């Protein structure tokens, strides 16, 4: 009986440790290892943060993971400067700076942060109602969470559920995770704690 009690206690203690091992840090806080730049916009590391910033071309730019990820939970912290128009793409592929896939919006206040947009396709497939805006903290750290399993996507912004939808086209998608710089110039966004758990 004592041995069984000891074994159960050991398993209970080991549980959280095993769960922690499942977490993948997509950004190492030092450099862009594991990522690929698309376009001429600026991506760099400063004081342990990943920063994207408009370059002289004021064009679209992307930073994608070298690996593809299918089903996962992703938590990301971001802080916007200036207009801060960006996004987090999933199951996405690239031809230069043309992206095929889906974006969880990161935008200025009242512009659908947490919504889901299909690039070069249907456009908005989950837009945020006006009454659900207001959770974004401009100029401060925010947390975005994305859960993707098959065609079921759920997003949260600072703990508030923003989208919860199922889509057959998303279910068929394959590709990488990516961060975006919108075109137009004047954009600067800080990122940190990009943690992913595969499902």
Protein backbone atom coordinates (compact mmCIF):
# COMPACT_ATOMS: atom_id res chain seq x y z
CA UNK A 1 0.00 0.00 0.00
CA UNK A 2 2.83 2.38 0.88
CA UNK A 3 4.52 1.60 -2.43
CA UNK A 4 1.30 2.35 -4.32
CA UNK A 5 0.82 5.65 -2.47
CA UNK A 6 4.42 6.62 -3.20
CA UNK A 7 4.01 5.75 -6.89
CA UNK A 8 0.82 7.81 -7.17
CA UNK A 9 2.51 10.78 -5.49
CA UNK A 10 5.46 10.47 -7.88
CA UNK A 11 3.17 10.41 -10.92
CA UNK A 12 1.25 13.45 -9.67
CA UNK A 13 4.48 15.38 -9.25
CA UNK A 14 5.79 14.27 -12.63
CA UNK A 15 2.60 15.28 -14.45
CA UNK A 16 3.30 19.03 -14.64
CA UNK A 17 6.92 18.36 -15.61
CA UNK A 18 5.81 16.15 -18.50
CA UNK A 19 3.33 18.79 -19.61
CA UNK A 20 6.05 21.46 -19.58
CA UNK A 21 8.22 19.33 -21.88
CA UNK A 22 5.47 19.47 -24.49
CA UNK A 23 5.83 23.25 -24.82
CA UNK A 24 7.93 24.48 -27.75
CA UNK A 25 9.52 27.93 -27.52
CA UNK A 26 9.29 29.19 -31.10
CA UNK A 27 11.48 32.21 -30.28
CA UNK A 28 14.70 31.70 -28.31
CA UNK A 29 15.07 35.34 -27.21
CA UNK A 30 18.50 35.63 -28.87
CA UNK A 31 18.21 35.37 -32.66
CA UNK A 32 15.95 34.30 -35.53
CA UNK A 33 17.03 30.64 -35.58
CA UNK A 34 14.12 28.51 -36.80
CA UNK A 35 12.53 31.39 -38.74
CA UNK A 36 12.59 32.60 -42.35
CA UNK A 37 12.17 36.22 -43.51
CA UNK A 38 9.94 36.99 -46.50
CA UNK A 39 10.31 40.46 -47.99
CA UNK A 40 12.44 43.50 -47.18
CA UNK A 41 10.82 44.71 -43.95
CA UNK A 42 12.79 44.61 -40.70
CA UNK A 43 12.89 41.68 -38.26
CA UNK A 44 15.40 41.74 -35.41
CA UNK A 45 15.99 40.82 -31.75
CA UNK A 46 16.51 43.46 -29.08
CA UNK A 47 16.60 42.98 -25.29
CA UNK A 48 15.12 39.49 -25.61
CA UNK A 49 12.21 40.68 -27.75
CA UNK A 50 11.42 39.90 -31.38
CA UNK A 51 10.64 43.15 -33.18
CA UNK A 52 9.07 43.76 -36.57
CA UNK A 53 9.30 47.19 -38.14
CA UNK A 54 8.42 48.74 -41.48
CA UNK A 55 11.37 49.23 -43.82
CA UNK A 56 11.96 51.76 -46.60
CA UNK A 57 9.80 49.77 -49.04
CA UNK A 58 6.75 50.06 -46.74
CA UNK A 59 5.57 46.73 -48.11
CA UNK A 60 4.16 43.52 -46.67
CA UNK A 61 6.67 41.43 -44.75
CA UNK A 62 6.51 38.06 -43.00
CA UNK A 63 8.56 35.96 -40.64
CA UNK A 64 7.61 32.29 -40.84
CA UNK A 65 8.65 29.20 -38.92
CA UNK A 66 10.87 26.85 -40.88
CA UNK A 67 8.71 23.96 -39.66
CA UNK A 68 5.05 23.37 -40.42
CA UNK A 69 2.55 22.94 -37.59
CA UNK A 70 -0.90 21.39 -37.93
CA UNK A 71 -2.85 21.15 -34.66
CA UNK A 72 -1.65 23.24 -31.72
CA UNK A 73 -2.23 25.74 -28.97
CA UNK A 74 -0.15 28.88 -29.37
CA UNK A 75 0.29 31.70 -26.85
CA UNK A 76 2.00 34.90 -27.94
CA UNK A 77 2.57 38.24 -26.22
CA UNK A 78 2.74 41.41 -28.32
CA UNK A 79 3.05 45.16 -27.81
CA UNK A 80 2.25 47.65 -30.55
CA UNK A 81 3.83 50.97 -31.37
CA UNK A 82 2.50 53.44 -33.94
CA UNK A 83 -0.38 51.86 -35.85
CA UNK A 84 0.70 48.31 -34.96
CA UNK A 85 -1.04 46.55 -37.85
CA UNK A 86 0.22 42.96 -37.88
CA UNK A 87 -1.02 39.41 -37.50
CA UNK A 88 -0.31 35.78 -36.68
CA UNK A 89 -0.69 33.36 -39.60
CA UNK A 90 -1.27 29.62 -39.36
CA UNK A 91 -1.11 26.77 -41.90
CA UNK A 92 0.40 29.21 -44.36
CA UNK A 93 2.64 28.94 -47.43
CA UNK A 94 4.60 31.63 -49.25
CA UNK A 95 5.57 32.70 -52.77
CA UNK A 96 7.77 35.71 -52.11
CA UNK A 97 5.53 37.96 -50.01
CA UNK A 98 2.30 36.43 -51.28
CA UNK A 99 0.87 34.31 -48.49
CA UNK A 100 -1.77 31.61 -48.71
CA UNK A 101 -3.37 30.84 -45.38
CA UNK A 102 -5.18 32.33 -42.44
CA UNK A 103 -4.38 35.26 -40.19
CA UNK A 104 -5.40 36.01 -36.62
CA UNK A 105 -5.55 39.78 -36.73
CA UNK A 106 -3.32 42.03 -34.62
CA UNK A 107 -4.43 45.58 -35.35
CA UNK A 108 -5.01 49.01 -33.82
CA UNK A 109 -7.98 49.41 -31.41
CA UNK A 110 -11.43 48.64 -32.86
CA UNK A 111 -9.99 46.92 -35.94
CA UNK A 112 -10.82 43.24 -35.27
CA UNK A 113 -7.82 42.00 -33.25
CA UNK A 114 -8.45 38.30 -32.65
CA UNK A 115 -10.53 37.99 -35.82
CA UNK A 116 -9.63 35.54 -38.60
CA UNK A 117 -8.84 36.62 -42.16
CA UNK A 118 -8.14 34.42 -45.20
CA UNK A 119 -5.45 36.03 -47.36
CA UNK A 120 -5.94 35.95 -51.13
CA UNK A 121 -9.20 34.08 -50.54
CA UNK A 122 -12.50 34.82 -48.83
CA UNK A 123 -11.26 37.72 -46.72
CA UNK A 124 -12.85 37.94 -43.27
CA UNK A 125 -14.25 34.63 -42.06
CA UNK A 126 -14.60 35.73 -38.41
CA UNK A 127 -14.88 39.45 -37.73
CA UNK A 128 -15.19 40.95 -34.24
CA UNK A 129 -18.54 42.61 -33.36
CA UNK A 130 -18.29 46.20 -32.10
CA UNK A 131 -19.48 45.18 -28.64
CA UNK A 132 -16.57 42.71 -28.34
CA UNK A 133 -13.91 45.27 -29.20
CA UNK A 134 -12.05 47.05 -26.41
CA UNK A 135 -9.93 44.22 -24.97
CA UNK A 136 -6.78 45.37 -26.78
CA UNK A 137 -4.32 47.43 -24.69
CA UNK A 138 -2.56 49.66 -27.19
CA UNK A 139 1.08 50.35 -26.29
CA UNK A 140 1.05 47.65 -23.58
CA UNK A 141 1.68 43.92 -23.57
CA UNK A 142 -1.23 41.80 -24.78
CA UNK A 143 -1.65 38.03 -24.92
CA UNK A 144 -3.11 36.22 -27.92
CA UNK A 145 -4.01 32.54 -27.67
CA UNK A 146 -4.88 30.41 -30.68
CA UNK A 147 -6.19 26.84 -30.54
CA UNK A 148 -6.33 24.96 -33.82
CA UNK A 149 -7.50 21.39 -34.24
CA UNK A 150 -8.63 20.13 -37.61
CA UNK A 151 -10.91 22.85 -38.93
CA UNK A 152 -11.84 24.16 -35.48
CA UNK A 153 -10.19 27.46 -34.54
CA UNK A 154 -10.62 29.41 -31.30
CA UNK A 155 -8.88 32.69 -30.48
CA UNK A 156 -8.57 34.64 -27.23
CA UNK A 157 -7.28 38.16 -26.63
CA UNK A 158 -6.22 38.92 -23.06
CA UNK A 159 -8.37 36.03 -21.83
CA UNK A 160 -11.50 37.01 -23.78
CA UNK A 161 -12.73 34.59 -26.44
CA UNK A 162 -12.87 36.40 -29.78
CA UNK A 163 -13.59 33.72 -32.41
CA UNK A 164 -14.78 30.13 -32.23
CA UNK A 165 -15.47 28.58 -35.60
CA UNK A 166 -15.12 25.45 -37.75
CA UNK A 167 -14.17 25.64 -41.40
CA UNK A 168 -13.65 22.85 -43.94
CA UNK A 169 -11.04 24.77 -45.92
CA UNK A 170 -8.92 25.42 -42.80
CA UNK A 171 -9.15 21.69 -42.02
CA UNK A 172 -7.38 20.94 -45.32
CA UNK A 173 -4.65 23.58 -44.84
CA UNK A 174 -0.96 22.81 -44.29
CA UNK A 175 1.95 25.12 -43.59
CA UNK A 176 3.87 27.25 -41.15
CA UNK A 177 3.14 29.80 -38.47
CA UNK A 178 4.11 33.36 -39.40
CA UNK A 179 4.10 36.93 -38.14
CA UNK A 180 3.17 39.81 -40.44
CA UNK A 181 4.07 43.43 -41.07
CA UNK A 182 1.23 45.15 -42.94
CA UNK A 183 2.08 47.44 -45.83
CA UNK A 184 1.87 51.23 -45.61
CA UNK A 185 4.82 51.94 -43.31
CA UNK A 186 5.02 53.28 -39.79
CA UNK A 187 4.49 49.89 -38.12
CA UNK A 188 6.42 48.53 -35.16
CA UNK A 189 5.38 45.56 -33.02
CA UNK A 190 7.26 43.80 -30.19
CA UNK A 191 6.77 40.04 -29.64
CA UNK A 192 7.81 37.70 -26.83
CA UNK A 193 6.95 34.36 -25.18
CA UNK A 194 5.90 32.55 -28.36
CA UNK A 195 4.97 29.21 -26.83
CA UNK A 196 3.40 26.36 -28.77
CA UNK A 197 2.02 22.99 -27.68
CA UNK A 198 1.19 20.50 -30.41
CA UNK A 199 -2.11 18.66 -30.05
